[in-house]
């Protein structure tokens, strides 16, 4: 079973919550950034059927996506987060 990732980052007075998960129904990896209970951005990366064949590979792809978005938030690059990749 593939597990998601959750992280909190505090910048100034704002706490950003990042949530990453595999959305098998939508066949994508999704990372969302929240602040104050509002979703500020979503990054979705589609996966082919082949990508779903290996859970460890999908888990690593999700971990990497979560890490990249986390780095962007920590660096204050919030304007780059509203990206849905196809």
C-alpha atoms as a PDB file:
ATOM      1  CA  UNK A   1       0.000   0.000   0.000  1.00  0.00           C
ATOM      2  CA  UNK A   2       1.307   3.439  -0.944  1.00  0.00           C
ATOM      3  CA  UNK A   3       1.261   6.063   1.777  1.00  0.00           C
ATOM      4  CA  UNK A   4       1.125   9.818   1.307  1.00  0.00           C
ATOM      5  CA  UNK A   5       3.173  12.572   2.888  1.00  0.00           C
ATOM      6  CA  UNK A   6       2.225  15.547   5.066  1.00  0.00           C
ATOM      7  CA  UNK A   7       4.453  18.430   6.164  1.00  0.00           C
ATOM      8  CA  UNK A   8       3.995  21.800   7.848  1.00  0.00           C
ATOM      9  CA  UNK A   9       6.219  24.791   7.074  1.00  0.00           C
ATOM     10  CA  UNK A  10       6.064  28.069   8.969  1.00  0.00           C
ATOM     11  CA  UNK A  11       7.026  31.229   7.070  1.00  0.00           C
ATOM     12  CA  UNK A  12       6.539  34.389   9.084  1.00  0.00           C
ATOM     13  CA  UNK A  13       3.107  34.168  10.687  1.00  0.00           C
ATOM     14  CA  UNK A  14       1.760  31.657   8.151  1.00  0.00           C
ATOM     15  CA  UNK A  15       1.827  27.878   8.486  1.00  0.00           C
ATOM     16  CA  UNK A  16       1.656  26.044   5.164  1.00  0.00           C
ATOM     17  CA  UNK A  17       0.458  22.459   5.148  1.00  0.00           C
ATOM     18  CA  UNK A  18       1.585  20.210   2.288  1.00  0.00           C
ATOM     19  CA  UNK A  19      -0.260  17.010   1.489  1.00  0.00           C
ATOM     20  CA  UNK A  20       0.879  14.548  -1.187  1.00  0.00           C
ATOM     21  CA  UNK A  21      -0.951  11.435  -2.290  1.00  0.00           C
ATOM     22  CA  UNK A  22      -1.379   9.012  -5.155  1.00  0.00           C
ATOM     23  CA  UNK A  23      -4.808   9.531  -6.704  1.00  0.00           C
ATOM     24  CA  UNK A  24      -5.252   6.177  -8.390  1.00  0.00           C
ATOM     25  CA  UNK A  25      -8.740   7.018  -9.670  1.00  0.00           C
ATOM     26  CA  UNK A  26      -7.335  10.103 -11.424  1.00  0.00           C
ATOM     27  CA  UNK A  27      -4.092   8.264 -12.230  1.00  0.00           C
ATOM     28  CA  UNK A  28      -1.863  11.018 -10.905  1.00  0.00           C
ATOM     29  CA  UNK A  29       0.416  12.125  -8.109  1.00  0.00           C
ATOM     30  CA  UNK A  30      -1.027  15.138  -6.341  1.00  0.00           C
ATOM     31  CA  UNK A  31       0.515  17.610  -3.915  1.00  0.00           C
ATOM     32  CA  UNK A  32      -1.639  20.340  -2.410  1.00  0.00           C
ATOM     33  CA  UNK A  33      -0.522  23.377  -0.398  1.00  0.00           C
ATOM     34  CA  UNK A  34      -2.881  24.766   2.233  1.00  0.00           C
ATOM     35  CA  UNK A  35      -2.780  27.829   4.480  1.00  0.00           C
ATOM     36  CA  UNK A  36      -5.498  28.735   6.931  1.00  0.00           C
ATOM     37  CA  UNK A  37      -7.605  25.805   5.742  1.00  0.00           C
ATOM     38  CA  UNK A  38      -7.620  27.049   2.128  1.00  0.00           C
ATOM     39  CA  UNK A  39      -6.015  25.197  -0.759  1.00  0.00           C
ATOM     40  CA  UNK A  40      -3.560  27.619  -2.357  1.00  0.00           C
ATOM     41  CA  UNK A  41      -2.231  25.360  -5.067  1.00  0.00           C
ATOM     42  CA  UNK A  42      -2.256  21.875  -6.493  1.00  0.00           C
ATOM     43  CA  UNK A  43       0.495  20.131  -8.391  1.00  0.00           C
ATOM     44  CA  UNK A  44      -0.691  17.065 -10.306  1.00  0.00           C
ATOM     45  CA  UNK A  45       1.515  14.806 -12.374  1.00  0.00           C
ATOM     46  CA  UNK A  46      -0.200  12.110 -14.459  1.00  0.00           C
ATOM     47  CA  UNK A  47       1.001   8.528 -14.326  1.00  0.00           C
ATOM     48  CA  UNK A  48       0.736   5.890 -17.009  1.00  0.00           C
ATOM     49  CA  UNK A  49      -0.425   2.351 -16.290  1.00  0.00           C
ATOM     50  CA  UNK A  50       3.209   1.239 -16.330  1.00  0.00           C
ATOM     51  CA  UNK A  51       4.022   3.617 -13.477  1.00  0.00           C
ATOM     52  CA  UNK A  52       1.391   1.919 -11.317  1.00  0.00           C
ATOM     53  CA  UNK A  53       2.998  -1.485 -11.852  1.00  0.00           C
ATOM     54  CA  UNK A  54       5.658  -0.908  -9.184  1.00  0.00           C
ATOM     55  CA  UNK A  55       4.559   0.488  -5.821  1.00  0.00           C
ATOM     56  CA  UNK A  56       8.132   1.281  -4.695  1.00  0.00           C
ATOM     57  CA  UNK A  57       8.703   3.352  -7.846  1.00  0.00           C
ATOM     58  CA  UNK A  58       5.438   5.251  -7.416  1.00  0.00           C
ATOM     59  CA  UNK A  59       6.210   5.835  -3.718  1.00  0.00           C
ATOM     60  CA  UNK A  60       9.614   7.275  -4.660  1.00  0.00           C
ATOM     61  CA  UNK A  61       8.092   9.529  -7.341  1.00  0.00           C
ATOM     62  CA  UNK A  62       5.601  10.833  -4.779  1.00  0.00           C
ATOM     63  CA  UNK A  63       8.342  11.370  -2.185  1.00  0.00           C
ATOM     64  CA  UNK A  64      10.392  13.356  -4.723  1.00  0.00           C
ATOM     65  CA  UNK A  65       7.426  15.505  -5.764  1.00  0.00           C
ATOM     66  CA  UNK A  66       6.609  16.248  -2.105  1.00  0.00           C
ATOM     67  CA  UNK A  67      10.241  17.160  -1.428  1.00  0.00           C
ATOM     68  CA  UNK A  68      10.392  19.549  -4.402  1.00  0.00           C
ATOM     69  CA  UNK A  69       7.203  21.372  -3.409  1.00  0.00           C
ATOM     70  CA  UNK A  70       8.411  21.516   0.203  1.00  0.00           C
ATOM     71  CA  UNK A  71      11.665  23.157  -0.952  1.00  0.00           C
ATOM     72  CA  UNK A  72       9.706  25.684  -3.028  1.00  0.00           C
ATOM     73  CA  UNK A  73       7.551  26.640  -0.037  1.00  0.00           C
ATOM     74  CA  UNK A  74      10.583  26.924   2.262  1.00  0.00           C
ATOM     75  CA  UNK A  75      12.290  29.170  -0.302  1.00  0.00           C
ATOM     76  CA  UNK A  76       9.193  31.382  -0.467  1.00  0.00           C
ATOM     77  CA  UNK A  77       8.553  30.558  -4.143  1.00  0.00           C
ATOM     78  CA  UNK A  78       4.800  30.303  -3.707  1.00  0.00           C
ATOM     79  CA  UNK A  79       4.025  31.851  -7.097  1.00  0.00           C
ATOM     80  CA  UNK A  80       5.577  28.791  -8.787  1.00  0.00           C
ATOM     81  CA  UNK A  81       3.299  26.347  -6.991  1.00  0.00           C
ATOM     82  CA  UNK A  82       0.122  26.693  -9.039  1.00  0.00           C
ATOM     83  CA  UNK A  83       1.339  24.261 -11.633  1.00  0.00           C
ATOM     84  CA  UNK A  84      -0.574  21.292 -12.967  1.00  0.00           C
ATOM     85  CA  UNK A  85       1.785  19.254 -15.109  1.00  0.00           C
ATOM     86  CA  UNK A  86       0.520  17.082 -17.950  1.00  0.00           C
END
